[in-house]
Amino acid sequence: MNKIKKTLLWTSAVTLLPMVSGLVLWNRLPDQMISHWGPDGTPDDTASKWFVVFGLPLLMVALQWLCAWVTMRDPGNRQQNRKVLYLPLWIVPLISILCGGMMQAAGLGLRVPVGRLVFLLLGALFVVVGNYLPKCSPNRTIGIKIKWTLADDGNWYATHRLAGRSWCVGGVLLALCAFLPDGISRWVMIPAIAIMVVVPILYSWQYDRRRRR
């Protein structure tokens, strides 16, 4: 548990790194900065420099600690694989660095390939998580938490083994979307999400039906 707390402190420091770069670039950043992009990559909202540089990283740290607190309070995670517990702690820092970096780059007048970066990050994230899903033991905060997996440990492990493979496949497809034209990437994204979400749920349901028979 002490190692988990140390990792939480380290990841919280990483989450706050955009504040450091924001301070270094403070005089070069505009008072109003782009804070959101639409699905087509066009900026559609702004926020104050103070909020982008300081507010967002602090909110991300608060989210980080809330998620860690909820995860640690779950009795099912007391004997959880430590690698499975470490992995979620790095998700928020990565998002903080990506979002902060994109907003500050846009504030400097640089062209930011938002869609490509998001697809690459999501793809890589799902591939990494997919490799850890089979190692995840039953709990109520991490993994595929539906009634059939929560009711039967055998269903849980079988579903997570399948989900690990389907998330890796879906992650690769999402990463490929970064290099495809917008019209094509949308048609690839839909089956990628279906593979990651629908396939494990259907498998868990079928597993439960077979067990009852």
N, C-alpha and C. Protein backbone atom coordinates (compact mmCIF):
# COMPACT_ATOMS: atom_id res chain seq x y z
N MET A 1 0.81 -1.21 0.00
CA MET A 1 0.00 0.00 0.00
C MET A 1 0.85 1.27 0.00
N ASN A 2 2.01 1.22 0.70
CA ASN A 2 2.89 2.38 0.72
C ASN A 2 3.42 2.70 -0.68
N LYS A 3 3.68 1.64 -1.47
CA LYS A 3 4.14 1.87 -2.85
C LYS A 3 3.06 2.53 -3.69
N ILE A 4 1.80 2.15 -3.44
CA ILE A 4 0.69 2.78 -4.15
C ILE A 4 0.63 4.27 -3.82
N LYS A 5 0.81 4.61 -2.54
CA LYS A 5 0.78 6.01 -2.13
C LYS A 5 1.92 6.80 -2.74
N LYS A 6 3.10 6.18 -2.81
CA LYS A 6 4.23 6.87 -3.44
C LYS A 6 3.97 7.09 -4.93
N THR A 7 3.39 6.08 -5.58
CA THR A 7 3.06 6.22 -7.00
C THR A 7 2.02 7.31 -7.20
N LEU A 8 1.07 7.41 -6.28
CA LEU A 8 0.05 8.45 -6.37
C LEU A 8 0.68 9.84 -6.27
N LEU A 9 1.66 9.98 -5.38
CA LEU A 9 2.34 11.27 -5.25
C LEU A 9 3.12 11.62 -6.51
N TRP A 10 3.82 10.63 -7.06
CA TRP A 10 4.60 10.87 -8.28
C TRP A 10 3.68 11.22 -9.45
N THR A 11 2.60 10.47 -9.60
CA THR A 11 1.70 10.74 -10.72
C THR A 11 0.99 12.08 -10.56
N SER A 12 0.75 12.48 -9.31
CA SER A 12 0.14 13.80 -9.08
C SER A 12 1.10 14.90 -9.50
N ALA A 13 2.38 14.71 -9.22
CA ALA A 13 3.38 15.70 -9.64
C ALA A 13 3.44 15.79 -11.16
N VAL A 14 3.36 14.64 -11.83
CA VAL A 14 3.36 14.65 -13.30
C VAL A 14 2.12 15.35 -13.83
N THR A 15 0.98 15.15 -13.18
CA THR A 15 -0.27 15.79 -13.58
C THR A 15 -0.15 17.31 -13.54
N LEU A 16 0.67 17.82 -12.63
CA LEU A 16 0.82 19.28 -12.48
C LEU A 16 1.89 19.88 -13.40
N LEU A 17 2.56 19.06 -14.19
CA LEU A 17 3.61 19.58 -15.07
C LEU A 17 3.14 20.68 -16.02
N PRO A 18 1.90 20.62 -16.57
CA PRO A 18 1.45 21.72 -17.41
C PRO A 18 1.47 23.08 -16.71
N MET A 19 1.38 23.09 -15.39
CA MET A 19 1.49 24.35 -14.66
C MET A 19 2.89 24.93 -14.80
N VAL A 20 3.88 24.05 -14.78
CA VAL A 20 5.27 24.50 -14.90
C VAL A 20 5.53 25.09 -16.28
N SER A 21 5.13 24.35 -17.32
CA SER A 21 5.32 24.87 -18.68
C SER A 21 4.50 26.13 -18.90
N GLY A 22 3.31 26.19 -18.29
CA GLY A 22 2.48 27.39 -18.42
C GLY A 22 3.13 28.61 -17.81
N LEU A 23 3.80 28.42 -16.67
CA LEU A 23 4.51 29.53 -16.04
C LEU A 23 5.69 30.00 -16.90
N VAL A 24 6.40 29.05 -17.49
CA VAL A 24 7.53 29.39 -18.35
C VAL A 24 7.06 30.19 -19.57
N LEU A 25 5.91 29.81 -20.12
CA LEU A 25 5.39 30.45 -21.33
C LEU A 25 4.38 31.56 -21.03
N TRP A 26 4.22 31.90 -19.77
CA TRP A 26 3.14 32.79 -19.34
C TRP A 26 3.02 34.05 -20.18
N ASN A 27 4.09 34.75 -20.39
CA ASN A 27 4.04 36.03 -21.12
C ASN A 27 3.76 35.86 -22.60
N ARG A 28 3.90 34.64 -23.12
CA ARG A 28 3.66 34.40 -24.55
C ARG A 28 2.27 33.85 -24.80
N LEU A 29 1.57 33.49 -23.75
CA LEU A 29 0.23 32.92 -23.90
C LEU A 29 -0.82 34.04 -23.87
N PRO A 30 -1.88 33.93 -24.68
CA PRO A 30 -2.94 34.95 -24.68
C PRO A 30 -3.80 34.86 -23.43
N ASP A 31 -4.52 35.93 -23.11
CA ASP A 31 -5.38 35.93 -21.93
C ASP A 31 -6.53 34.94 -22.06
N GLN A 32 -7.03 34.76 -23.29
CA GLN A 32 -8.06 33.76 -23.57
C GLN A 32 -7.45 32.68 -24.45
N MET A 33 -7.57 31.43 -24.01
CA MET A 33 -6.94 30.32 -24.71
C MET A 33 -7.99 29.31 -25.17
N ILE A 34 -7.68 28.63 -26.26
CA ILE A 34 -8.56 27.56 -26.74
C ILE A 34 -8.58 26.45 -25.69
N SER A 35 -9.79 26.04 -25.31
CA SER A 35 -9.93 25.01 -24.29
C SER A 35 -10.69 23.78 -24.77
N HIS A 36 -11.23 23.85 -26.00
CA HIS A 36 -11.99 22.71 -26.51
C HIS A 36 -12.01 22.74 -28.02
N TRP A 37 -12.01 21.54 -28.61
CA TRP A 37 -12.10 21.38 -30.05
C TRP A 37 -13.29 20.50 -30.39
N GLY A 38 -13.96 20.78 -31.51
CA GLY A 38 -15.08 19.97 -31.95
C GLY A 38 -14.61 18.67 -32.57
N PRO A 39 -15.56 17.80 -32.96
CA PRO A 39 -15.20 16.51 -33.57
C PRO A 39 -14.36 16.65 -34.83
N ASP A 40 -14.51 17.78 -35.54
CA ASP A 40 -13.74 17.98 -36.77
C ASP A 40 -12.40 18.67 -36.53
N GLY A 41 -12.05 18.87 -35.24
CA GLY A 41 -10.78 19.50 -34.91
C GLY A 41 -10.80 21.01 -34.91
N THR A 42 -12.00 21.60 -35.04
CA THR A 42 -12.11 23.06 -35.05
C THR A 42 -12.32 23.58 -33.63
N PRO A 43 -11.55 24.59 -33.18
CA PRO A 43 -11.74 25.14 -31.84
C PRO A 43 -13.16 25.69 -31.68
N ASP A 44 -13.82 25.33 -30.57
CA ASP A 44 -15.19 25.80 -30.37
C ASP A 44 -15.44 26.36 -28.97
N ASP A 45 -14.38 26.53 -28.17
CA ASP A 45 -14.57 27.13 -26.84
C ASP A 45 -13.23 27.65 -26.33
N THR A 46 -13.29 28.65 -25.47
CA THR A 46 -12.08 29.24 -24.89
C THR A 46 -12.23 29.35 -23.38
N ALA A 47 -11.12 29.55 -22.71
CA ALA A 47 -11.11 29.76 -21.26
C ALA A 47 -9.96 30.70 -20.93
N SER A 48 -9.99 31.26 -19.73
CA SER A 48 -8.94 32.20 -19.33
C SER A 48 -7.60 31.48 -19.18
N LYS A 49 -6.54 32.24 -19.35
CA LYS A 49 -5.20 31.68 -19.19
C LYS A 49 -5.01 31.11 -17.79
N TRP A 50 -5.54 31.79 -16.80
CA TRP A 50 -5.40 31.32 -15.42
C TRP A 50 -6.04 29.94 -15.24
N PHE A 51 -7.22 29.76 -15.84
CA PHE A 51 -7.91 28.48 -15.69
C PHE A 51 -7.17 27.37 -16.42
N VAL A 52 -6.70 27.66 -17.65
CA VAL A 52 -6.01 26.63 -18.43
C VAL A 52 -4.70 26.21 -17.76
N VAL A 53 -3.94 27.18 -17.28
CA VAL A 53 -2.62 26.89 -16.73
C VAL A 53 -2.70 26.32 -15.31
N PHE A 54 -3.60 26.85 -14.51
CA PHE A 54 -3.65 26.42 -13.10
C PHE A 54 -4.89 25.58 -12.77
N GLY A 55 -6.06 26.03 -13.25
CA GLY A 55 -7.30 25.37 -12.88
C GLY A 55 -7.41 23.95 -13.36
N LEU A 56 -7.13 23.71 -14.64
CA LEU A 56 -7.28 22.37 -15.20
C LEU A 56 -6.35 21.34 -14.54
N PRO A 57 -5.05 21.63 -14.39
CA PRO A 57 -4.18 20.65 -13.71
C PRO A 57 -4.63 20.35 -12.28
N LEU A 58 -5.09 21.38 -11.57
CA LEU A 58 -5.55 21.15 -10.20
C LEU A 58 -6.82 20.30 -10.18
N LEU A 59 -7.72 20.52 -11.13
CA LEU A 59 -8.91 19.69 -11.22
C LEU A 59 -8.53 18.24 -11.55
N MET A 60 -7.53 18.07 -12.41
CA MET A 60 -7.08 16.73 -12.76
C MET A 60 -6.48 16.01 -11.56
N VAL A 61 -5.73 16.74 -10.73
CA VAL A 61 -5.17 16.13 -9.51
C VAL A 61 -6.30 15.72 -8.56
N ALA A 62 -7.32 16.58 -8.44
CA ALA A 62 -8.46 16.23 -7.59
C ALA A 62 -9.15 14.97 -8.10
N LEU A 63 -9.30 14.87 -9.42
CA LEU A 63 -9.89 13.66 -10.01
C LEU A 63 -9.01 12.45 -9.75
N GLN A 64 -7.70 12.64 -9.86
CA GLN A 64 -6.75 11.55 -9.61
C GLN A 64 -6.90 11.00 -8.19
N TRP A 65 -6.96 11.89 -7.22
CA TRP A 65 -7.06 11.46 -5.83
C TRP A 65 -8.43 10.84 -5.52
N LEU A 66 -9.48 11.36 -6.14
CA LEU A 66 -10.81 10.79 -5.94
C LEU A 66 -10.87 9.36 -6.48
N CYS A 67 -10.35 9.16 -7.68
CA CYS A 67 -10.34 7.81 -8.27
C CYS A 67 -9.51 6.85 -7.42
N ALA A 68 -8.35 7.33 -6.93
CA ALA A 68 -7.50 6.48 -6.10
C ALA A 68 -8.20 6.12 -4.79
N TRP A 69 -8.88 7.10 -4.21
CA TRP A 69 -9.59 6.87 -2.94
C TRP A 69 -10.69 5.83 -3.11
N VAL A 70 -11.48 5.97 -4.18
CA VAL A 70 -12.57 5.01 -4.44
C VAL A 70 -12.00 3.62 -4.70
N THR A 71 -10.91 3.55 -5.46
CA THR A 71 -10.31 2.25 -5.78
C THR A 71 -9.76 1.57 -4.53
N MET A 72 -9.09 2.32 -3.67
CA MET A 72 -8.49 1.74 -2.48
C MET A 72 -9.54 1.29 -1.45
N ARG A 73 -10.71 1.92 -1.48
CA ARG A 73 -11.76 1.54 -0.53
C ARG A 73 -12.51 0.29 -0.95
N ASP A 74 -12.31 -0.16 -2.18
CA ASP A 74 -12.98 -1.36 -2.67
C ASP A 74 -12.32 -2.59 -2.04
N PRO A 75 -13.06 -3.38 -1.24
CA PRO A 75 -12.47 -4.58 -0.62
C PRO A 75 -11.89 -5.55 -1.64
N GLY A 76 -12.47 -5.56 -2.84
CA GLY A 76 -11.99 -6.48 -3.86
C GLY A 76 -10.58 -6.17 -4.34
N ASN A 77 -10.09 -4.98 -4.06
CA ASN A 77 -8.75 -4.59 -4.51
C ASN A 77 -7.68 -4.79 -3.45
N ARG A 78 -8.05 -5.34 -2.30
CA ARG A 78 -7.04 -5.55 -1.25
C ARG A 78 -6.00 -6.58 -1.67
N GLN A 79 -6.41 -7.56 -2.45
CA GLN A 79 -5.48 -8.56 -2.96
C GLN A 79 -5.29 -8.42 -4.47
N GLN A 80 -5.57 -7.24 -4.97
CA GLN A 80 -5.49 -7.01 -6.41
C GLN A 80 -4.04 -7.01 -6.90
N ASN A 81 -3.85 -7.44 -8.13
CA ASN A 81 -2.53 -7.37 -8.77
C ASN A 81 -2.04 -5.93 -8.73
N ARG A 82 -0.84 -5.71 -8.21
CA ARG A 82 -0.34 -4.35 -8.02
C ARG A 82 -0.19 -3.60 -9.35
N LYS A 83 0.17 -4.33 -10.41
CA LYS A 83 0.30 -3.67 -11.71
C LYS A 83 -1.05 -3.13 -12.18
N VAL A 84 -2.11 -3.85 -11.86
CA VAL A 84 -3.45 -3.40 -12.23
C VAL A 84 -3.81 -2.13 -11.47
N LEU A 85 -3.35 -2.02 -10.21
CA LEU A 85 -3.63 -0.82 -9.43
C LEU A 85 -2.77 0.36 -9.87
N TYR A 86 -1.55 0.11 -10.31
CA TYR A 86 -0.66 1.19 -10.74
C TYR A 86 -1.14 1.82 -12.05
N LEU A 87 -1.65 0.99 -12.95
CA LEU A 87 -1.98 1.47 -14.29
C LEU A 87 -2.96 2.64 -14.30
N PRO A 88 -4.11 2.56 -13.59
CA PRO A 88 -5.05 3.69 -13.62
C PRO A 88 -4.44 4.99 -13.09
N LEU A 89 -3.45 4.89 -12.21
CA LEU A 89 -2.84 6.09 -11.65
C LEU A 89 -2.09 6.91 -12.70
N TRP A 90 -1.74 6.28 -13.82
CA TRP A 90 -1.00 6.99 -14.85
C TRP A 90 -1.89 7.54 -15.96
N ILE A 91 -3.17 7.18 -15.95
CA ILE A 91 -4.07 7.64 -17.01
C ILE A 91 -4.33 9.14 -16.91
N VAL A 92 -4.68 9.61 -15.72
CA VAL A 92 -4.95 11.05 -15.55
C VAL A 92 -3.73 11.91 -15.86
N PRO A 93 -2.52 11.55 -15.40
CA PRO A 93 -1.34 12.36 -15.77
C PRO A 93 -1.13 12.45 -17.28
N LEU A 94 -1.33 11.35 -18.00
CA LEU A 94 -1.16 11.38 -19.45
C LEU A 94 -2.16 12.31 -20.10
N ILE A 95 -3.42 12.25 -19.63
CA ILE A 95 -4.45 13.14 -20.17
C ILE A 95 -4.13 14.59 -19.85
N SER A 96 -3.64 14.85 -18.64
CA SER A 96 -3.29 16.21 -18.24
C SER A 96 -2.18 16.79 -19.12
N ILE A 97 -1.15 15.98 -19.37
CA ILE A 97 -0.04 16.45 -20.20
C ILE A 97 -0.49 16.68 -21.64
N LEU A 98 -1.29 15.74 -22.17
CA LEU A 98 -1.76 15.89 -23.55
C LEU A 98 -2.65 17.12 -23.70
N CYS A 99 -3.65 17.26 -22.83
CA CYS A 99 -4.57 18.38 -22.95
C CYS A 99 -3.87 19.71 -22.69
N GLY A 100 -3.05 19.75 -21.64
CA GLY A 100 -2.31 20.98 -21.34
C GLY A 100 -1.37 21.35 -22.46
N GLY A 101 -0.68 20.34 -23.01
CA GLY A 101 0.25 20.60 -24.11
C GLY A 101 -0.46 21.12 -25.34
N MET A 102 -1.63 20.54 -25.68
CA MET A 102 -2.37 20.99 -26.85
C MET A 102 -2.87 22.42 -26.68
N MET A 103 -3.40 22.73 -25.50
CA MET A 103 -3.93 24.08 -25.26
C MET A 103 -2.82 25.13 -25.28
N GLN A 104 -1.69 24.81 -24.67
CA GLN A 104 -0.59 25.78 -24.66
C GLN A 104 0.04 25.93 -26.03
N ALA A 105 0.12 24.82 -26.79
CA ALA A 105 0.65 24.92 -28.16
C ALA A 105 -0.27 25.78 -29.02
N ALA A 106 -1.59 25.57 -28.86
CA ALA A 106 -2.54 26.39 -29.61
C ALA A 106 -2.44 27.85 -29.18
N GLY A 107 -2.19 28.09 -27.88
CA GLY A 107 -2.04 29.46 -27.40
C GLY A 107 -0.83 30.16 -27.99
N LEU A 108 0.18 29.39 -28.37
CA LEU A 108 1.38 29.95 -29.01
C LEU A 108 1.19 30.14 -30.51
N GLY A 109 0.01 29.75 -31.00
CA GLY A 109 -0.26 29.91 -32.42
C GLY A 109 0.14 28.73 -33.28
N LEU A 110 0.49 27.61 -32.64
CA LEU A 110 0.89 26.43 -33.40
C LEU A 110 -0.34 25.64 -33.85
N ARG A 111 -0.21 24.97 -34.99
CA ARG A 111 -1.30 24.13 -35.48
C ARG A 111 -1.27 22.81 -34.73
N VAL A 112 -2.37 22.47 -34.09
CA VAL A 112 -2.43 21.27 -33.26
C VAL A 112 -3.30 20.22 -33.94
N PRO A 113 -2.74 19.06 -34.32
CA PRO A 113 -3.53 17.98 -34.93
C PRO A 113 -4.32 17.23 -33.85
N VAL A 114 -5.38 17.85 -33.36
CA VAL A 114 -6.11 17.33 -32.21
C VAL A 114 -6.62 15.91 -32.46
N GLY A 115 -7.31 15.73 -33.58
CA GLY A 115 -7.89 14.42 -33.86
C GLY A 115 -6.84 13.32 -33.89
N ARG A 116 -5.72 13.59 -34.55
CA ARG A 116 -4.68 12.57 -34.66
C ARG A 116 -4.09 12.23 -33.29
N LEU A 117 -3.84 13.26 -32.48
CA LEU A 117 -3.26 13.02 -31.16
C LEU A 117 -4.21 12.24 -30.27
N VAL A 118 -5.49 12.58 -30.32
CA VAL A 118 -6.48 11.90 -29.47
C VAL A 118 -6.61 10.44 -29.88
N PHE A 119 -6.67 10.18 -31.18
CA PHE A 119 -6.78 8.79 -31.64
C PHE A 119 -5.55 7.98 -31.23
N LEU A 120 -4.37 8.57 -31.36
CA LEU A 120 -3.15 7.86 -30.98
C LEU A 120 -3.12 7.56 -29.49
N LEU A 121 -3.49 8.56 -28.67
CA LEU A 121 -3.49 8.36 -27.22
C LEU A 121 -4.50 7.29 -26.82
N LEU A 122 -5.73 7.39 -27.36
CA LEU A 122 -6.76 6.42 -27.00
C LEU A 122 -6.36 5.01 -27.46
N GLY A 123 -5.83 4.92 -28.68
CA GLY A 123 -5.41 3.62 -29.19
C GLY A 123 -4.35 2.98 -28.31
N ALA A 124 -3.31 3.76 -27.99
CA ALA A 124 -2.24 3.24 -27.13
C ALA A 124 -2.77 2.87 -25.75
N LEU A 125 -3.66 3.70 -25.22
CA LEU A 125 -4.21 3.46 -23.89
C LEU A 125 -5.00 2.16 -23.84
N PHE A 126 -5.85 1.92 -24.85
CA PHE A 126 -6.66 0.71 -24.87
C PHE A 126 -5.79 -0.54 -25.07
N VAL A 127 -4.73 -0.43 -25.85
CA VAL A 127 -3.83 -1.57 -26.02
C VAL A 127 -3.14 -1.92 -24.70
N VAL A 128 -2.67 -0.90 -23.99
CA VAL A 128 -2.00 -1.15 -22.71
C VAL A 128 -2.97 -1.73 -21.69
N VAL A 129 -4.16 -1.12 -21.58
CA VAL A 129 -5.16 -1.63 -20.64
C VAL A 129 -5.57 -3.05 -21.01
N GLY A 130 -5.70 -3.31 -22.31
CA GLY A 130 -6.06 -4.65 -22.76
C GLY A 130 -5.08 -5.71 -22.31
N ASN A 131 -3.81 -5.35 -22.24
CA ASN A 131 -2.80 -6.31 -21.79
C ASN A 131 -2.91 -6.59 -20.29
N TYR A 132 -3.51 -5.67 -19.54
CA TYR A 132 -3.62 -5.85 -18.10
C TYR A 132 -4.97 -6.41 -17.66
N LEU A 133 -5.99 -6.33 -18.51
CA LEU A 133 -7.32 -6.80 -18.11
C LEU A 133 -7.33 -8.26 -17.66
N PRO A 134 -6.64 -9.19 -18.35
CA PRO A 134 -6.67 -10.59 -17.90
C PRO A 134 -6.07 -10.79 -16.51
N LYS A 135 -5.26 -9.84 -16.05
CA LYS A 135 -4.62 -9.96 -14.73
C LYS A 135 -5.51 -9.40 -13.62
N CYS A 136 -6.63 -8.79 -14.00
CA CYS A 136 -7.49 -8.11 -13.03
C CYS A 136 -8.38 -9.10 -12.30
N SER A 137 -8.30 -9.12 -10.96
CA SER A 137 -9.15 -10.01 -10.17
C SER A 137 -10.48 -9.31 -9.87
N PRO A 138 -11.53 -10.07 -9.50
CA PRO A 138 -12.86 -9.49 -9.29
C PRO A 138 -12.87 -8.34 -8.30
N ASN A 139 -13.53 -7.26 -8.69
CA ASN A 139 -13.72 -6.09 -7.84
C ASN A 139 -14.83 -5.25 -8.44
N ARG A 140 -15.14 -4.12 -7.81
CA ARG A 140 -16.25 -3.29 -8.29
C ARG A 140 -15.81 -1.92 -8.78
N THR A 141 -14.53 -1.72 -9.01
CA THR A 141 -14.06 -0.41 -9.48
C THR A 141 -13.20 -0.49 -10.73
N ILE A 142 -12.57 -1.62 -11.01
CA ILE A 142 -11.68 -1.75 -12.16
C ILE A 142 -12.12 -2.95 -12.99
N GLY A 143 -12.25 -2.75 -14.31
CA GLY A 143 -12.55 -3.88 -15.18
C GLY A 143 -13.94 -3.82 -15.78
N ILE A 144 -14.41 -4.97 -16.31
CA ILE A 144 -15.72 -5.09 -16.93
C ILE A 144 -16.72 -5.42 -15.85
N LYS A 145 -17.39 -4.40 -15.31
CA LYS A 145 -18.25 -4.57 -14.14
C LYS A 145 -19.71 -4.62 -14.58
N ILE A 146 -20.16 -5.79 -14.98
CA ILE A 146 -21.56 -6.00 -15.31
C ILE A 146 -22.08 -7.13 -14.43
N LYS A 147 -23.40 -7.32 -14.39
CA LYS A 147 -23.97 -8.23 -13.39
C LYS A 147 -23.48 -9.66 -13.54
N TRP A 148 -23.19 -10.10 -14.75
CA TRP A 148 -22.77 -11.49 -14.94
C TRP A 148 -21.34 -11.72 -14.46
N THR A 149 -20.44 -10.75 -14.68
CA THR A 149 -19.07 -10.92 -14.20
C THR A 149 -18.99 -10.76 -12.69
N LEU A 150 -19.81 -9.85 -12.14
CA LEU A 150 -19.78 -9.64 -10.69
C LEU A 150 -20.40 -10.80 -9.92
N ALA A 151 -21.27 -11.56 -10.58
CA ALA A 151 -21.95 -12.66 -9.90
C ALA A 151 -21.17 -13.96 -9.93
N ASP A 152 -20.16 -14.06 -10.81
CA ASP A 152 -19.46 -15.34 -10.98
C ASP A 152 -18.00 -15.09 -11.31
N ASP A 153 -17.10 -15.58 -10.46
CA ASP A 153 -15.67 -15.36 -10.70
C ASP A 153 -15.21 -16.00 -12.00
N GLY A 154 -15.76 -17.18 -12.33
CA GLY A 154 -15.38 -17.82 -13.58
C GLY A 154 -15.75 -16.95 -14.78
N ASN A 155 -16.93 -16.35 -14.72
CA ASN A 155 -17.37 -15.44 -15.77
C ASN A 155 -16.44 -14.23 -15.83
N TRP A 156 -16.07 -13.71 -14.68
CA TRP A 156 -15.18 -12.55 -14.62
C TRP A 156 -13.87 -12.82 -15.35
N TYR A 157 -13.19 -13.91 -15.00
CA TYR A 157 -11.88 -14.19 -15.59
C TYR A 157 -11.99 -14.52 -17.07
N ALA A 158 -13.00 -15.27 -17.47
CA ALA A 158 -13.16 -15.61 -18.88
C ALA A 158 -13.46 -14.36 -19.71
N THR A 159 -14.34 -13.51 -19.19
CA THR A 159 -14.70 -12.29 -19.91
C THR A 159 -13.51 -11.35 -20.02
N HIS A 160 -12.71 -11.26 -18.97
CA HIS A 160 -11.56 -10.35 -19.01
C HIS A 160 -10.44 -10.87 -19.90
N ARG A 161 -10.33 -12.19 -20.03
CA ARG A 161 -9.36 -12.71 -21.00
C ARG A 161 -9.76 -12.33 -22.42
N LEU A 162 -11.05 -12.47 -22.72
CA LEU A 162 -11.53 -12.08 -24.05
C LEU A 162 -11.43 -10.57 -24.23
N ALA A 163 -11.83 -9.81 -23.19
CA ALA A 163 -11.80 -8.35 -23.28
C ALA A 163 -10.38 -7.84 -23.50
N GLY A 164 -9.40 -8.50 -22.91
CA GLY A 164 -8.01 -8.10 -23.12
C GLY A 164 -7.65 -8.13 -24.59
N ARG A 165 -8.05 -9.20 -25.28
CA ARG A 165 -7.76 -9.32 -26.71
C ARG A 165 -8.57 -8.31 -27.53
N SER A 166 -9.86 -8.17 -27.19
CA SER A 166 -10.71 -7.26 -27.97
C SER A 166 -10.29 -5.80 -27.78
N TRP A 167 -9.82 -5.43 -26.59
CA TRP A 167 -9.37 -4.06 -26.36
C TRP A 167 -8.07 -3.79 -27.12
N CYS A 168 -7.21 -4.78 -27.21
CA CYS A 168 -5.98 -4.60 -28.00
C CYS A 168 -6.31 -4.38 -29.47
N VAL A 169 -7.23 -5.19 -30.00
CA VAL A 169 -7.64 -5.03 -31.40
C VAL A 169 -8.30 -3.67 -31.62
N GLY A 170 -9.23 -3.31 -30.71
CA GLY A 170 -9.89 -2.02 -30.83
C GLY A 170 -8.91 -0.86 -30.70
N GLY A 171 -7.94 -0.99 -29.82
CA GLY A 171 -6.94 0.07 -29.66
C GLY A 171 -6.11 0.28 -30.92
N VAL A 172 -5.72 -0.82 -31.56
CA VAL A 172 -4.96 -0.71 -32.80
C VAL A 172 -5.80 -0.03 -33.88
N LEU A 173 -7.08 -0.38 -33.97
CA LEU A 173 -7.95 0.25 -34.96
C LEU A 173 -8.11 1.74 -34.69
N LEU A 174 -8.24 2.12 -33.42
CA LEU A 174 -8.35 3.54 -33.08
C LEU A 174 -7.08 4.29 -33.43
N ALA A 175 -5.93 3.69 -33.17
CA ALA A 175 -4.66 4.33 -33.51
C ALA A 175 -4.54 4.52 -35.03
N LEU A 176 -5.04 3.55 -35.80
CA LEU A 176 -5.00 3.67 -37.26
C LEU A 176 -5.86 4.83 -37.75
N CYS A 177 -6.91 5.16 -37.00
CA CYS A 177 -7.79 6.27 -37.38
C CYS A 177 -7.03 7.59 -37.47
N ALA A 178 -5.92 7.69 -36.75
CA ALA A 178 -5.13 8.92 -36.76
C ALA A 178 -4.53 9.19 -38.13
N PHE A 179 -4.40 8.16 -38.94
CA PHE A 179 -3.75 8.31 -40.24
C PHE A 179 -4.73 8.18 -41.41
N LEU A 180 -6.02 8.07 -41.09
CA LEU A 180 -7.04 7.91 -42.14
C LEU A 180 -7.79 9.22 -42.34
N PRO A 181 -8.35 9.44 -43.52
CA PRO A 181 -9.20 10.62 -43.74
C PRO A 181 -10.39 10.60 -42.79
N ASP A 182 -10.93 11.80 -42.49
CA ASP A 182 -12.01 11.90 -41.51
C ASP A 182 -13.20 10.99 -41.86
N GLY A 183 -13.60 10.99 -43.13
CA GLY A 183 -14.75 10.19 -43.52
C GLY A 183 -14.56 8.71 -43.27
N ILE A 184 -13.34 8.21 -43.48
CA ILE A 184 -13.06 6.80 -43.28
C ILE A 184 -12.83 6.48 -41.81
N SER A 185 -12.15 7.37 -41.10
CA SER A 185 -11.83 7.11 -39.70
C SER A 185 -13.08 6.92 -38.85
N ARG A 186 -14.14 7.64 -39.18
CA ARG A 186 -15.37 7.49 -38.41
C ARG A 186 -15.97 6.09 -38.57
N TRP A 187 -15.86 5.53 -39.76
CA TRP A 187 -16.38 4.19 -40.01
C TRP A 187 -15.50 3.12 -39.38
N VAL A 188 -14.24 3.43 -39.16
CA VAL A 188 -13.35 2.49 -38.47
C VAL A 188 -13.54 2.60 -36.96
N MET A 189 -13.80 3.82 -36.48
CA MET A 189 -13.96 4.05 -35.04
C MET A 189 -15.17 3.31 -34.48
N ILE A 190 -16.27 3.28 -35.22
CA ILE A 190 -17.49 2.65 -34.74
C ILE A 190 -17.30 1.15 -34.47
N PRO A 191 -16.78 0.37 -35.44
CA PRO A 191 -16.55 -1.06 -35.13
C PRO A 191 -15.49 -1.27 -34.06
N ALA A 192 -14.51 -0.35 -33.96
CA ALA A 192 -13.48 -0.47 -32.92
C ALA A 192 -14.11 -0.39 -31.53
N ILE A 193 -15.01 0.58 -31.36
CA ILE A 193 -15.68 0.74 -30.07
C ILE A 193 -16.60 -0.44 -29.81
N ALA A 194 -17.28 -0.92 -30.85
CA ALA A 194 -18.17 -2.07 -30.69
C ALA A 194 -17.39 -3.31 -30.26
N ILE A 195 -16.20 -3.50 -30.83
CA ILE A 195 -15.37 -4.64 -30.46
C ILE A 195 -15.01 -4.60 -28.98
N MET A 196 -14.70 -3.40 -28.48
CA MET A 196 -14.27 -3.26 -27.10
C MET A 196 -15.41 -3.30 -26.10
N VAL A 197 -16.58 -2.81 -26.50
CA VAL A 197 -17.71 -2.70 -25.56
C VAL A 197 -18.70 -3.86 -25.71
N VAL A 198 -19.17 -4.07 -26.93
CA VAL A 198 -20.26 -5.02 -27.16
C VAL A 198 -19.78 -6.47 -27.04
N VAL A 199 -18.62 -6.78 -27.62
CA VAL A 199 -18.14 -8.16 -27.65
C VAL A 199 -17.97 -8.75 -26.24
N PRO A 200 -17.29 -8.06 -25.30
CA PRO A 200 -17.16 -8.64 -23.95
C PRO A 200 -18.51 -8.81 -23.25
N ILE A 201 -19.42 -7.87 -23.46
CA ILE A 201 -20.74 -7.97 -22.80
C ILE A 201 -21.51 -9.18 -23.34
N LEU A 202 -21.52 -9.34 -24.66
CA LEU A 202 -22.22 -10.48 -25.25
C LEU A 202 -21.59 -11.80 -24.80
N TYR A 203 -20.27 -11.82 -24.73
CA TYR A 203 -19.58 -13.04 -24.30
C TYR A 203 -19.94 -13.39 -22.86
N SER A 204 -19.95 -12.36 -21.99
CA SER A 204 -20.29 -12.60 -20.59
C SER A 204 -21.72 -13.11 -20.46
N TRP A 205 -22.63 -12.55 -21.23
CA TRP A 205 -24.03 -13.00 -21.20
C TRP A 205 -24.15 -14.45 -21.66
N GLN A 206 -23.46 -14.79 -22.75
CA GLN A 206 -23.50 -16.17 -23.25
C GLN A 206 -22.85 -17.13 -22.26
N TYR A 207 -21.76 -16.70 -21.63
CA TYR A 207 -21.10 -17.54 -20.62
C TYR A 207 -22.07 -17.84 -19.48
N ASP A 208 -22.81 -16.83 -19.06
CA ASP A 208 -23.76 -17.01 -17.96
C ASP A 208 -24.88 -17.96 -18.37
N ARG A 209 -25.34 -17.85 -19.61
CA ARG A 209 -26.40 -18.75 -20.09
C ARG A 209 -25.91 -20.20 -20.13
N ARG A 210 -24.69 -20.38 -20.61
CA ARG A 210 -24.13 -21.75 -20.67
C ARG A 210 -23.98 -22.33 -19.26
N ARG A 211 -23.54 -21.50 -18.33
CA ARG A 211 -23.35 -21.98 -16.95
C ARG A 211 -24.69 -22.40 -16.34
N ARG A 212 -25.74 -21.61 -16.58
CA ARG A 212 -27.05 -21.94 -16.02
C ARG A 212 -27.62 -23.21 -16.62
N ARG A 213 -27.31 -23.47 -17.89
CA ARG A 213 -27.80 -24.70 -18.50
C ARG A 213 -27.12 -25.93 -17.91
